Amino acid sequence: MPVTDVTTDPEALTMTLTAEFAAPVQRLWQVFTDPRQLERFWGPPGWPATFTAFDLAVGGRADYHMSGPRGEYAGGSWEFLEIDAPRRFEVLDSFVDREGARIEDLPTMRVDFVFEATDTGSRLRSVTSFTTAEALEKTVAMGAVEGSRMALDQLDRVLEGLRAYAAGKGTQTEVLDDTHVRITRLIDGPIDLVWRAHQEPELIQQWLLGPDGWRMSICEVDSRVGGAYRYEWEPLEGTEGERFGFDGETLLIEPPHRAVTTEHMTGTDFPSTLNDLSLYEEDGATLITLVIEYPDAQTRDIVLATGMTDGMEASYTRLEGVLAGV
């Protein structure tokens, strides 16, 4: 993981993050000063960032917001105080509302981003300075330490490019915390087709099958917010197993980039999971990222132990074949 250290100093009123990257300083500077690249990692998993303004000049302003999986909104704004390209820039970082006005009861911080060359690439050192101990404590209590770590741990795939980062690695499963798992898979195909394959029943039934020997007998999809879906699988002759299915509701839909749904095993009293699907295309390939929120660590571990990753890899391999024929 790129982040090597996150520390808080109650006496100095600072939070310091250090991260190491196998990329030159100039490349690291680029991703922090290009809003389209910055928004690919600035929000932690499940809270992607969107930059709506980015004026990289002293006195200029960058405005962004992060969108939660249940429609939550968290806005922020940087005022650029100092810029010394490609070595450092300093901003005044504020929480803002939907109209861009500063939220007075939340802290405003000075953040100094420093980029240094190393023998293996580059190092980021960001120092966030607070005006009071209460402001530091409030920010930490809001999850700033873990959120910063998870956000910057996504940066390698931006620095390397999707094909270099993910091609040939198959389906990757990462445990983010007690209740969240992130699954990634690079698909050789454009984002529009990958999106359709997740939304159109006639395509879904061709690939979302898990291991060989199963068929999807029911596939009902209403992709509108509040709409319901239902999937059901049954074994083919000669395959062991019992019919099963999942149902759920669409909570958020942003074609062709993001869809958030609940998922519940049909006919059981098992709690639902929250499935946050996002797609990103680069160089003709699309990275699928699925962040799953489980009710607790025990449920997470039970599901992972079923061989979920292998089943998803079988499906994604089949998906690439389906897309080649569309």
C-alpha atoms as a PDB file:
ATOM      1  CA  MET A   1       0.000   0.000   0.000  1.00  0.00           C
ATOM      2  CA  PRO A   2       1.379   3.468  -0.848  1.00  0.00           C
ATOM      3  CA  VAL A   3       0.521   5.128   2.471  1.00  0.00           C
ATOM      4  CA  THR A   4       3.335   4.409   4.913  1.00  0.00           C
ATOM      5  CA  ASP A   5       2.311   6.593   7.850  1.00  0.00           C
ATOM      6  CA  VAL A   6      -0.487   8.820   9.157  1.00  0.00           C
ATOM      7  CA  THR A   7       0.166  10.587  12.457  1.00  0.00           C
ATOM      8  CA  THR A   8      -1.551  13.278  14.477  1.00  0.00           C
ATOM      9  CA  ASP A   9       0.233  15.703  16.817  1.00  0.00           C
ATOM     10  CA  PRO A  10      -2.138  17.310  19.360  1.00  0.00           C
ATOM     11  CA  GLU A  11       0.564  19.754  20.486  1.00  0.00           C
ATOM     12  CA  ALA A  12       1.525  20.956  16.998  1.00  0.00           C
ATOM     13  CA  LEU A  13      -2.150  20.684  15.884  1.00  0.00           C
ATOM     14  CA  THR A  14      -1.202  18.732  12.760  1.00  0.00           C
ATOM     15  CA  MET A  15      -2.046  15.546  10.893  1.00  0.00           C
ATOM     16  CA  THR A  16       0.779  14.275   8.666  1.00  0.00           C
ATOM     17  CA  LEU A  17       0.421  11.674   5.921  1.00  0.00           C
ATOM     18  CA  THR A  18       3.356  10.080   4.113  1.00  0.00           C
ATOM     19  CA  ALA A  19       3.067   7.881   1.021  1.00  0.00           C
ATOM     20  CA  GLU A  20       5.603   6.330  -1.382  1.00  0.00           C
ATOM     21  CA  PHE A  21       5.052   5.795  -5.112  1.00  0.00           C
ATOM     22  CA  ALA A  22       7.004   4.107  -7.912  1.00  0.00           C
ATOM     23  CA  ALA A  23       6.558   7.118 -10.183  1.00  0.00           C
ATOM     24  CA  PRO A  24       8.598  10.293 -10.753  1.00  0.00           C
ATOM     25  CA  VAL A  25       7.741  13.546  -8.998  1.00  0.00           C
ATOM     26  CA  GLN A  26       6.454  15.113 -12.220  1.00  0.00           C
ATOM     27  CA  ARG A  27       3.929  12.296 -12.692  1.00  0.00           C
ATOM     28  CA  LEU A  28       2.782  12.593  -9.061  1.00  0.00           C
ATOM     29  CA  TRP A  29       2.373  16.344  -9.516  1.00  0.00           C
ATOM     30  CA  GLN A  30       0.249  15.750 -12.632  1.00  0.00           C
ATOM     31  CA  VAL A  31      -2.319  13.561 -10.906  1.00  0.00           C
ATOM     32  CA  PHE A  32      -2.719  16.038  -8.032  1.00  0.00           C
ATOM     33  CA  THR A  33      -3.182  19.036 -10.335  1.00  0.00           C
ATOM     34  CA  ASP A  34      -5.386  17.520 -13.073  1.00  0.00           C
ATOM     35  CA  PRO A  35      -8.963  17.360 -11.730  1.00  0.00           C
ATOM     36  CA  ARG A  36      -9.942  14.437 -13.986  1.00  0.00           C
ATOM     37  CA  GLN A  37      -7.107  12.332 -12.572  1.00  0.00           C
ATOM     38  CA  LEU A  38      -7.459  13.680  -9.030  1.00  0.00           C
ATOM     39  CA  GLU A  39     -11.108  12.725  -8.761  1.00  0.00           C
ATOM     40  CA  ARG A  40     -10.266   9.099  -9.552  1.00  0.00           C
ATOM     41  CA  PHE A  41      -8.676   8.653  -6.123  1.00  0.00           C
ATOM     42  CA  TRP A  42      -9.448  11.654  -3.909  1.00  0.00           C
ATOM     43  CA  GLY A  43     -12.634  10.145  -2.486  1.00  0.00           C
ATOM     44  CA  PRO A  44     -12.263   6.933  -0.441  1.00  0.00           C
ATOM     45  CA  PRO A  45     -13.943   3.732  -1.726  1.00  0.00           C
ATOM     46  CA  GLY A  46     -17.689   4.258  -1.936  1.00  0.00           C
ATOM     47  CA  TRP A  47     -17.335   8.050  -1.871  1.00  0.00           C
ATOM     48  CA  PRO A  48     -16.039   9.099  -5.311  1.00  0.00           C
ATOM     49  CA  ALA A  49     -15.035  12.719  -5.778  1.00  0.00           C
ATOM     50  CA  THR A  50     -16.163  15.079  -8.533  1.00  0.00           C
ATOM     51  CA  PHE A  51     -14.274  18.334  -9.111  1.00  0.00           C
ATOM     52  CA  THR A  52     -16.521  21.024 -10.565  1.00  0.00           C
ATOM     53  CA  ALA A  53     -13.889  23.796 -10.617  1.00  0.00           C
ATOM     54  CA  PHE A  54     -10.089  23.795 -10.547  1.00  0.00           C
ATOM     55  CA  ASP A  55      -8.169  27.062 -10.916  1.00  0.00           C
ATOM     56  CA  LEU A  56      -4.530  26.190 -10.186  1.00  0.00           C
ATOM     57  CA  ALA A  57      -3.296  29.691  -9.372  1.00  0.00           C
ATOM     58  CA  VAL A  58      -2.539  31.544  -6.151  1.00  0.00           C
ATOM     59  CA  GLY A  59      -5.912  32.820  -4.989  1.00  0.00           C
ATOM     60  CA  GLY A  60      -7.680  30.325  -7.275  1.00  0.00           C
ATOM     61  CA  ARG A  61     -10.225  27.807  -6.040  1.00  0.00           C
ATOM     62  CA  ALA A  62     -10.930  24.125  -6.535  1.00  0.00           C
ATOM     63  CA  ASP A  63     -14.441  22.915  -5.685  1.00  0.00           C
ATOM     64  CA  TYR A  64     -15.403  19.274  -5.278  1.00  0.00           C
ATOM     65  CA  HIS A  65     -17.917  17.000  -3.666  1.00  0.00           C
ATOM     66  CA  MET A  66     -17.994  13.341  -2.675  1.00  0.00           C
ATOM     67  CA  SER A  67     -21.090  11.198  -3.237  1.00  0.00           C
ATOM     68  CA  GLY A  68     -21.966   8.450  -0.769  1.00  0.00           C
ATOM     69  CA  PRO A  69     -23.641   5.178  -1.802  1.00  0.00           C
ATOM     70  CA  ARG A  70     -26.970   6.177  -0.245  1.00  0.00           C
ATOM     71  CA  GLY A  71     -27.008   9.605  -1.882  1.00  0.00           C
ATOM     72  CA  GLU A  72     -25.012  11.384   0.839  1.00  0.00           C
ATOM     73  CA  TYR A  73     -23.244  14.608  -0.136  1.00  0.00           C
ATOM     74  CA  ALA A  74     -19.979  15.976   1.258  1.00  0.00           C
ATOM     75  CA  GLY A  75     -18.629  19.170  -0.286  1.00  0.00           C
ATOM     76  CA  GLY A  76     -15.178  20.703  -0.066  1.00  0.00           C
ATOM     77  CA  SER A  77     -13.236  23.638  -1.425  1.00  0.00           C
ATOM     78  CA  TRP A  78      -9.541  24.496  -1.728  1.00  0.00           C
ATOM     79  CA  GLU A  79      -8.165  28.009  -1.937  1.00  0.00           C
ATOM     80  CA  PHE A  80      -4.641  27.863  -3.377  1.00  0.00           C
ATOM     81  CA  LEU A  81      -2.260  29.790  -1.094  1.00  0.00           C
ATOM     82  CA  GLU A  82       1.150  28.846  -2.502  1.00  0.00           C
ATOM     83  CA  ILE A  83       2.286  26.959  -5.623  1.00  0.00           C
ATOM     84  CA  ASP A  84       5.842  25.821  -6.399  1.00  0.00           C
ATOM     85  CA  ALA A  85       5.488  23.367  -9.302  1.00  0.00           C
ATOM     86  CA  PRO A  86       6.265  20.486  -9.243  1.00  0.00           C
ATOM     87  CA  ARG A  87       7.461  20.465  -5.629  1.00  0.00           C
ATOM     88  CA  ARG A  88       4.583  21.690  -3.473  1.00  0.00           C
ATOM     89  CA  PHE A  89       1.325  23.538  -3.173  1.00  0.00           C
ATOM     90  CA  GLU A  90      -0.592  24.729  -0.129  1.00  0.00           C
ATOM     91  CA  VAL A  91      -4.339  25.175   0.182  1.00  0.00           C
ATOM     92  CA  LEU A  92      -6.935  26.383   2.627  1.00  0.00           C
ATOM     93  CA  ASP A  93      -9.333  23.444   2.834  1.00  0.00           C
ATOM     94  CA  SER A  94     -12.958  24.059   3.864  1.00  0.00           C
ATOM     95  CA  PHE A  95     -16.145  22.048   4.136  1.00  0.00           C
ATOM     96  CA  VAL A  96     -18.866  23.618   1.969  1.00  0.00           C
ATOM     97  CA  ASP A  97     -22.567  23.103   1.336  1.00  0.00           C
ATOM     98  CA  ARG A  98     -24.268  22.420  -2.003  1.00  0.00           C
ATOM     99  CA  GLU A  99     -24.173  26.128  -2.850  1.00  0.00           C
ATOM    100  CA  GLY A 100     -20.430  26.328  -2.162  1.00  0.00           C
ATOM    101  CA  ALA A 101     -20.740  28.288   1.079  1.00  0.00           C
ATOM    102  CA  ARG A 102     -18.379  27.404   3.915  1.00  0.00           C
ATOM    103  CA  ILE A 103     -19.961  25.344   6.716  1.00  0.00           C
ATOM    104  CA  GLU A 104     -19.116  27.420   9.775  1.00  0.00           C
ATOM    105  CA  ASP A 105     -19.297  24.703  12.438  1.00  0.00           C
ATOM    106  CA  LEU A 106     -16.797  22.443  10.616  1.00  0.00           C
ATOM    107  CA  PRO A 107     -13.007  23.043  10.649  1.00  0.00           C
ATOM    108  CA  THR A 108     -11.092  24.938   7.983  1.00  0.00           C
ATOM    109  CA  MET A 109      -7.522  23.648   7.597  1.00  0.00           C
ATOM    110  CA  ARG A 110      -4.277  24.562   5.885  1.00  0.00           C
ATOM    111  CA  VAL A 111      -2.900  21.617   3.904  1.00  0.00           C
ATOM    112  CA  ASP A 112       0.659  21.605   2.562  1.00  0.00           C
ATOM    113  CA  PHE A 113       1.289  19.012  -0.191  1.00  0.00           C
ATOM    114  CA  VAL A 114       5.016  18.315  -0.687  1.00  0.00           C
ATOM    115  CA  PHE A 115       6.362  16.078  -3.482  1.00  0.00           C
ATOM    116  CA  GLU A 116       9.906  14.709  -3.176  1.00  0.00           C
ATOM    117  CA  ALA A 117      12.068  12.465  -5.359  1.00  0.00           C
ATOM    118  CA  THR A 118      13.265   9.150  -3.883  1.00  0.00           C
ATOM    119  CA  ASP A 119      15.562   6.379  -5.106  1.00  0.00           C
ATOM    120  CA  THR A 120      12.526   4.342  -6.164  1.00  0.00           C
ATOM    121  CA  GLY A 121      10.208   7.096  -7.375  1.00  0.00           C
ATOM    122  CA  SER A 122       8.586   9.807  -5.283  1.00  0.00           C
ATOM    123  CA  ARG A 123       7.165  10.598  -1.873  1.00  0.00           C
ATOM    124  CA  LEU A 124       4.105  12.587  -0.905  1.00  0.00           C
ATOM    125  CA  ARG A 125       4.079  14.326   2.443  1.00  0.00           C
ATOM    126  CA  SER A 126       0.923  16.227   3.289  1.00  0.00           C
ATOM    127  CA  VAL A 127       0.701  18.225   6.514  1.00  0.00           C
ATOM    128  CA  THR A 128      -2.728  19.405   7.631  1.00  0.00           C
ATOM    129  CA  SER A 129      -2.649  22.220  10.197  1.00  0.00           C
ATOM    130  CA  PHE A 130      -5.589  23.009  12.480  1.00  0.00           C
ATOM    131  CA  THR A 131      -6.408  26.131  14.447  1.00  0.00           C
ATOM    132  CA  THR A 132      -7.501  24.351  17.629  1.00  0.00           C
ATOM    133  CA  ALA A 133      -7.209  20.959  19.313  1.00  0.00           C
ATOM    134  CA  GLU A 134     -10.992  20.660  19.063  1.00  0.00           C
ATOM    135  CA  ALA A 135     -10.828  21.075  15.274  1.00  0.00           C
ATOM    136  CA  LEU A 136      -8.197  18.343  15.038  1.00  0.00           C
ATOM    137  CA  GLU A 137     -10.212  15.996  17.239  1.00  0.00           C
ATOM    138  CA  LYS A 138     -13.413  16.632  15.286  1.00  0.00           C
ATOM    139  CA  THR A 139     -11.714  15.937  11.958  1.00  0.00           C
ATOM    140  CA  VAL A 140     -10.151  12.709  13.211  1.00  0.00           C
ATOM    141  CA  ALA A 141     -13.506  11.635  14.674  1.00  0.00           C
ATOM    142  CA  MET A 142     -15.074  12.150  11.230  1.00  0.00           C
ATOM    143  CA  GLY A 143     -12.750   9.432   9.858  1.00  0.00           C
ATOM    144  CA  ALA A 144     -10.100  11.638   8.247  1.00  0.00           C
ATOM    145  CA  VAL A 145      -7.191   9.315   9.040  1.00  0.00           C
ATOM    146  CA  GLU A 146      -8.685   6.136   7.617  1.00  0.00           C
ATOM    147  CA  GLY A 147     -10.428   7.987   4.805  1.00  0.00           C
ATOM    148  CA  SER A 148      -7.163   9.605   3.683  1.00  0.00           C
ATOM    149  CA  ARG A 149      -5.356   6.284   3.811  1.00  0.00           C
ATOM    150  CA  MET A 150      -7.978   4.453   1.746  1.00  0.00           C
ATOM    151  CA  ALA A 151      -8.212   7.296  -0.776  1.00  0.00           C
ATOM    152  CA  LEU A 152      -4.480   7.483  -1.468  1.00  0.00           C
ATOM    153  CA  ASP A 153      -4.134   3.713  -1.540  1.00  0.00           C
ATOM    154  CA  GLN A 154      -6.124   3.940  -4.811  1.00  0.00           C
ATOM    155  CA  LEU A 155      -3.499   6.144  -6.465  1.00  0.00           C
ATOM    156  CA  ASP A 156      -1.207   3.445  -7.874  1.00  0.00           C
ATOM    157  CA  ARG A 157      -3.738   2.429 -10.524  1.00  0.00           C
ATOM    158  CA  VAL A 158      -3.987   6.060 -11.677  1.00  0.00           C
ATOM    159  CA  LEU A 159      -0.216   6.538 -11.825  1.00  0.00           C
ATOM    160  CA  GLU A 160       0.441   3.278 -13.691  1.00  0.00           C
ATOM    161  CA  GLY A 161      -2.523   3.264 -16.065  1.00  0.00           C
ATOM    162  CA  LEU A 162      -5.240   0.613 -15.979  1.00  0.00           C
ATOM    163  CA  ARG A 163      -3.663  -1.941 -18.304  1.00  0.00           C
ATOM    164  CA  ALA A 164      -0.286  -1.866 -16.548  1.00  0.00           C
ATOM    165  CA  TYR A 165      -1.962  -1.988 -13.135  1.00  0.00           C
ATOM    166  CA  ALA A 166      -4.667  -4.614 -13.643  1.00  0.00           C
ATOM    167  CA  ALA A 167      -4.306  -6.484 -16.947  1.00  0.00           C
ATOM    168  CA  GLY A 168      -3.828 -10.215 -16.518  1.00  0.00           C
ATOM    169  CA  LYS A 169      -4.411 -10.155 -12.755  1.00  0.00           C
ATOM    170  CA  GLY A 170      -7.971 -11.467 -12.888  1.00  0.00           C
ATOM    171  CA  THR A 171     -10.496 -10.710 -10.174  1.00  0.00           C
ATOM    172  CA  GLN A 172      -8.889  -9.113  -7.125  1.00  0.00           C
ATOM    173  CA  THR A 173     -10.595  -9.037  -3.703  1.00  0.00           C
ATOM    174  CA  GLU A 174      -9.409  -6.660  -0.979  1.00  0.00           C
ATOM    175  CA  VAL A 175     -10.736  -6.447   2.577  1.00  0.00           C
ATOM    176  CA  LEU A 176     -10.967  -2.735   3.360  1.00  0.00           C
ATOM    177  CA  ASP A 177     -12.289  -2.969   6.919  1.00  0.00           C
ATOM    178  CA  ASP A 178     -14.656  -5.074   9.030  1.00  0.00           C
ATOM    179  CA  THR A 179     -17.647  -4.477   6.790  1.00  0.00           C
ATOM    180  CA  HIS A 180     -16.267  -3.459   3.376  1.00  0.00           C
ATOM    181  CA  VAL A 181     -14.695  -5.480   0.572  1.00  0.00           C
ATOM    182  CA  ARG A 182     -13.486  -4.119  -2.761  1.00  0.00           C
ATOM    183  CA  ILE A 183     -13.475  -6.295  -5.887  1.00  0.00           C
ATOM    184  CA  THR A 184     -11.736  -5.159  -9.079  1.00  0.00           C
ATOM    185  CA  ARG A 185     -11.524  -6.684 -12.541  1.00  0.00           C
ATOM    186  CA  LEU A 186     -10.229  -5.147 -15.778  1.00  0.00           C
ATOM    187  CA  ILE A 187     -12.454  -5.982 -18.751  1.00  0.00           C
ATOM    188  CA  ASP A 188     -11.136  -5.650 -22.287  1.00  0.00           C
ATOM    189  CA  GLY A 189     -14.002  -3.626 -23.690  1.00  0.00           C
ATOM    190  CA  PRO A 190     -15.540  -0.132 -23.733  1.00  0.00           C
ATOM    191  CA  ILE A 191     -17.465   1.247 -20.783  1.00  0.00           C
ATOM    192  CA  ASP A 192     -20.778   1.539 -22.649  1.00  0.00           C
ATOM    193  CA  LEU A 193     -20.845  -2.183 -23.418  1.00  0.00           C
ATOM    194  CA  VAL A 194     -19.746  -3.156 -19.902  1.00  0.00           C
ATOM    195  CA  TRP A 195     -22.510  -0.967 -18.491  1.00  0.00           C
ATOM    196  CA  ARG A 196     -25.118  -2.523 -20.771  1.00  0.00           C
ATOM    197  CA  ALA A 197     -23.959  -5.980 -19.720  1.00  0.00           C
ATOM    198  CA  HIS A 198     -24.775  -5.061 -16.105  1.00  0.00           C
ATOM    199  CA  GLN A 199     -28.203  -3.576 -16.883  1.00  0.00           C
ATOM    200  CA  GLU A 200     -29.800  -5.466 -19.804  1.00  0.00           C
ATOM    201  CA  PRO A 201     -31.324  -8.874 -18.925  1.00  0.00           C
ATOM    202  CA  GLU A 202     -30.540 -10.460 -22.302  1.00  0.00           C
ATOM    203  CA  LEU A 203     -26.838  -9.731 -21.740  1.00  0.00           C
ATOM    204  CA  ILE A 204     -26.777 -10.411 -17.981  1.00  0.00           C
ATOM    205  CA  GLN A 205     -28.111 -13.936 -18.526  1.00  0.00           C
ATOM    206  CA  GLN A 206     -25.198 -14.766 -20.809  1.00  0.00           C
ATOM    207  CA  TRP A 207     -22.403 -14.097 -18.330  1.00  0.00           C
ATOM    208  CA  LEU A 208     -23.530 -13.692 -14.698  1.00  0.00           C
ATOM    209  CA  LEU A 209     -23.486 -17.427 -14.062  1.00  0.00           C
ATOM    210  CA  GLY A 210     -20.548 -18.189 -11.792  1.00  0.00           C
ATOM    211  CA  PRO A 211     -18.996 -21.636 -12.327  1.00  0.00           C
ATOM    212  CA  ASP A 212     -19.978 -23.776 -15.309  1.00  0.00           C
ATOM    213  CA  GLY A 213     -23.087 -25.894 -14.912  1.00  0.00           C
ATOM    214  CA  TRP A 214     -25.586 -23.191 -13.974  1.00  0.00           C
ATOM    215  CA  ARG A 215     -28.164 -21.133 -15.817  1.00  0.00           C
ATOM    216  CA  MET A 216     -29.919 -17.906 -14.848  1.00  0.00           C
ATOM    217  CA  SER A 217     -33.595 -18.805 -15.009  1.00  0.00           C
ATOM    218  CA  ILE A 218     -34.954 -15.447 -13.831  1.00  0.00           C
ATOM    219  CA  CYS A 219     -33.520 -12.020 -14.618  1.00  0.00           C
ATOM    220  CA  GLU A 220     -35.762  -9.048 -13.895  1.00  0.00           C
ATOM    221  CA  VAL A 221     -34.184  -5.579 -13.773  1.00  0.00           C
ATOM    222  CA  ASP A 222     -35.662  -2.147 -13.093  1.00  0.00           C
ATOM    223  CA  SER A 223     -32.662   0.190 -13.048  1.00  0.00           C
ATOM    224  CA  ARG A 224     -34.589   3.266 -11.987  1.00  0.00           C
ATOM    225  CA  VAL A 225     -33.940   4.617  -8.483  1.00  0.00           C
ATOM    226  CA  GLY A 226     -36.344   2.712  -6.247  1.00  0.00           C
ATOM    227  CA  GLY A 227     -36.729  -0.003  -8.874  1.00  0.00           C
ATOM    228  CA  ALA A 228     -36.427  -3.673  -7.935  1.00  0.00           C
ATOM    229  CA  TYR A 229     -34.442  -6.486  -9.482  1.00  0.00           C
ATOM    230  CA  ARG A 230     -34.516 -10.272  -9.086  1.00  0.00           C
ATOM    231  CA  TYR A 231     -32.047 -12.918 -10.217  1.00  0.00           C
ATOM    232  CA  GLU A 232     -32.440 -16.680  -9.867  1.00  0.00           C
ATOM    233  CA  TRP A 233     -30.066 -19.499 -10.831  1.00  0.00           C
ATOM    234  CA  GLU A 234     -30.614 -23.216 -11.161  1.00  0.00           C
ATOM    235  CA  PRO A 235     -28.200 -26.088 -11.793  1.00  0.00           C
ATOM    236  CA  LEU A 236     -28.086 -27.797 -15.162  1.00  0.00           C
ATOM    237  CA  GLU A 237     -28.520 -31.554 -15.337  1.00  0.00           C
ATOM    238  CA  GLY A 238     -25.512 -33.258 -13.821  1.00  0.00           C
ATOM    239  CA  THR A 239     -24.569 -30.288 -11.616  1.00  0.00           C
ATOM    240  CA  GLU A 240     -25.033 -30.542  -7.854  1.00  0.00           C
ATOM    241  CA  GLY A 241     -26.768 -27.711  -6.047  1.00  0.00           C
ATOM    242  CA  GLU A 242     -30.129 -26.106  -5.313  1.00  0.00           C
ATOM    243  CA  ARG A 243     -31.954 -23.258  -6.982  1.00  0.00           C
ATOM    244  CA  PHE A 244     -31.194 -19.876  -5.328  1.00  0.00           C
ATOM    245  CA  GLY A 245     -31.590 -16.200  -6.052  1.00  0.00           C
ATOM    246  CA  PHE A 246     -31.061 -12.598  -4.996  1.00  0.00           C
ATOM    247  CA  ASP A 247     -33.327  -9.585  -4.981  1.00  0.00           C
ATOM    248  CA  GLY A 248     -32.789  -5.941  -4.208  1.00  0.00           C
ATOM    249  CA  GLU A 249     -33.426  -2.299  -4.981  1.00  0.00           C
ATOM    250  CA  THR A 250     -31.595   0.358  -6.970  1.00  0.00           C
ATOM    251  CA  LEU A 251     -30.528   3.219  -4.704  1.00  0.00           C
ATOM    252  CA  LEU A 252     -28.386   5.271  -7.096  1.00  0.00           C
ATOM    253  CA  ILE A 253     -27.865   5.166 -10.858  1.00  0.00           C
ATOM    254  CA  GLU A 254     -25.400   7.276 -12.894  1.00  0.00           C
ATOM    255  CA  PRO A 255     -25.016   5.710 -16.370  1.00  0.00           C
ATOM    256  CA  PRO A 256     -22.546   4.542 -17.506  1.00  0.00           C
ATOM    257  CA  HIS A 257     -20.355   5.004 -14.435  1.00  0.00           C
ATOM    258  CA  ARG A 258     -22.054   3.983 -11.196  1.00  0.00           C
ATOM    259  CA  ALA A 259     -24.930   1.946  -9.788  1.00  0.00           C
ATOM    260  CA  VAL A 260     -25.656   1.238  -6.122  1.00  0.00           C
ATOM    261  CA  THR A 261     -28.050  -1.545  -5.163  1.00  0.00           C
ATOM    262  CA  THR A 262     -29.027  -3.615  -2.174  1.00  0.00           C
ATOM    263  CA  GLU A 263     -28.664  -7.397  -2.403  1.00  0.00           C
ATOM    264  CA  HIS A 264     -30.676  -9.933  -0.390  1.00  0.00           C
ATOM    265  CA  MET A 265     -30.772 -13.705  -0.695  1.00  0.00           C
ATOM    266  CA  THR A 266     -34.322 -14.490  -1.756  1.00  0.00           C
ATOM    267  CA  GLY A 267     -36.430 -16.480   0.687  1.00  0.00           C
ATOM    268  CA  THR A 268     -34.114 -15.978   3.676  1.00  0.00           C
ATOM    269  CA  ASP A 269     -33.924 -13.608   6.617  1.00  0.00           C
ATOM    270  CA  PHE A 270     -30.241 -12.891   5.943  1.00  0.00           C
ATOM    271  CA  PRO A 271     -29.459  -9.156   6.075  1.00  0.00           C
ATOM    272  CA  SER A 272     -28.896  -7.326   2.795  1.00  0.00           C
ATOM    273  CA  THR A 273     -25.555  -6.098   1.544  1.00  0.00           C
ATOM    274  CA  LEU A 274     -24.946  -2.779  -0.203  1.00  0.00           C
ATOM    275  CA  ASN A 275     -23.277  -3.185  -3.608  1.00  0.00           C
ATOM    276  CA  ASP A 276     -21.580  -0.099  -5.078  1.00  0.00           C
ATOM    277  CA  LEU A 277     -20.546  -0.699  -8.708  1.00  0.00           C
ATOM    278  CA  SER A 278     -18.364   1.787 -10.580  1.00  0.00           C
ATOM    279  CA  LEU A 279     -16.845   1.658 -14.065  1.00  0.00           C
ATOM    280  CA  TYR A 280     -13.903   3.573 -15.497  1.00  0.00           C
ATOM    281  CA  GLU A 281     -12.573   3.300 -19.051  1.00  0.00           C
ATOM    282  CA  GLU A 282      -9.020   3.906 -20.238  1.00  0.00           C
ATOM    283  CA  ASP A 283      -7.354   2.852 -23.495  1.00  0.00           C
ATOM    284  CA  GLY A 284     -10.305   0.688 -24.553  1.00  0.00           C
ATOM    285  CA  ALA A 285     -10.431  -1.266 -21.286  1.00  0.00           C
ATOM    286  CA  THR A 286     -12.887  -0.829 -18.419  1.00  0.00           C
ATOM    287  CA  LEU A 287     -12.071  -1.289 -14.759  1.00  0.00           C
ATOM    288  CA  ILE A 288     -14.964  -2.753 -12.784  1.00  0.00           C
ATOM    289  CA  THR A 289     -14.843  -1.811  -9.099  1.00  0.00           C
ATOM    290  CA  LEU A 290     -17.413  -3.296  -6.754  1.00  0.00           C
ATOM    291  CA  VAL A 291     -17.424  -2.177  -3.110  1.00  0.00           C
ATOM    292  CA  ILE A 292     -19.620  -4.440  -0.977  1.00  0.00           C
ATOM    293  CA  GLU A 293     -20.812  -3.370   2.458  1.00  0.00           C
ATOM    294  CA  TYR A 294     -21.658  -6.270   4.791  1.00  0.00           C
ATOM    295  CA  PRO A 295     -23.614  -5.952   8.045  1.00  0.00           C
ATOM    296  CA  ASP A 296     -20.666  -7.269  10.081  1.00  0.00           C
ATOM    297  CA  ALA A 297     -17.278  -8.981   9.837  1.00  0.00           C
ATOM    298  CA  GLN A 298     -18.749 -12.446  10.440  1.00  0.00           C
ATOM    299  CA  THR A 299     -21.078 -12.167   7.448  1.00  0.00           C
ATOM    300  CA  ARG A 300     -18.214 -10.806   5.344  1.00  0.00           C
ATOM    301  CA  ASP A 301     -16.014 -13.788   6.183  1.00  0.00           C
ATOM    302  CA  ILE A 302     -18.775 -16.332   5.564  1.00  0.00           C
ATOM    303  CA  VAL A 303     -19.427 -14.941   2.091  1.00  0.00           C
ATOM    304  CA  LEU A 304     -15.733 -14.732   1.169  1.00  0.00           C
ATOM    305  CA  ALA A 305     -15.257 -18.349   2.259  1.00  0.00           C
ATOM    306  CA  THR A 306     -17.821 -19.539  -0.302  1.00  0.00           C
ATOM    307  CA  GLY A 307     -15.325 -19.047  -3.133  1.00  0.00           C
ATOM    308  CA  MET A 308     -16.975 -15.828  -4.261  1.00  0.00           C
ATOM    309  CA  THR A 309     -13.830 -14.513  -5.964  1.00  0.00           C
ATOM    310  CA  ASP A 310     -13.404 -17.633  -8.114  1.00  0.00           C
ATOM    311  CA  GLY A 311     -17.060 -17.547  -9.094  1.00  0.00           C
ATOM    312  CA  MET A 312     -16.836 -13.899 -10.086  1.00  0.00           C
ATOM    313  CA  GLU A 313     -13.700 -14.538 -12.131  1.00  0.00           C
ATOM    314  CA  ALA A 314     -15.535 -17.259 -14.068  1.00  0.00           C
ATOM    315  CA  SER A 315     -18.342 -14.791 -14.761  1.00  0.00           C
ATOM    316  CA  TYR A 316     -16.028 -11.940 -15.783  1.00  0.00           C
ATOM    317  CA  THR A 317     -14.089 -14.228 -18.126  1.00  0.00           C
ATOM    318  CA  ARG A 318     -17.409 -15.153 -19.719  1.00  0.00           C
ATOM    319  CA  LEU A 319     -18.337 -11.455 -19.902  1.00  0.00           C
ATOM    320  CA  GLU A 320     -15.313 -10.664 -22.053  1.00  0.00           C
ATOM    321  CA  GLY A 321     -16.423 -13.355 -24.469  1.00  0.00           C
ATOM    322  CA  VAL A 322     -19.959 -11.937 -24.583  1.00  0.00           C
ATOM    323  CA  LEU A 323     -18.688  -8.412 -25.250  1.00  0.00           C
ATOM    324  CA  ALA A 324     -16.525  -9.631 -28.111  1.00  0.00           C
ATOM    325  CA  GLY A 325     -19.687 -10.794 -29.867  1.00  0.00           C
ATOM    326  CA  VAL A 326     -21.846  -7.719 -29.237  1.00  0.00           C
END
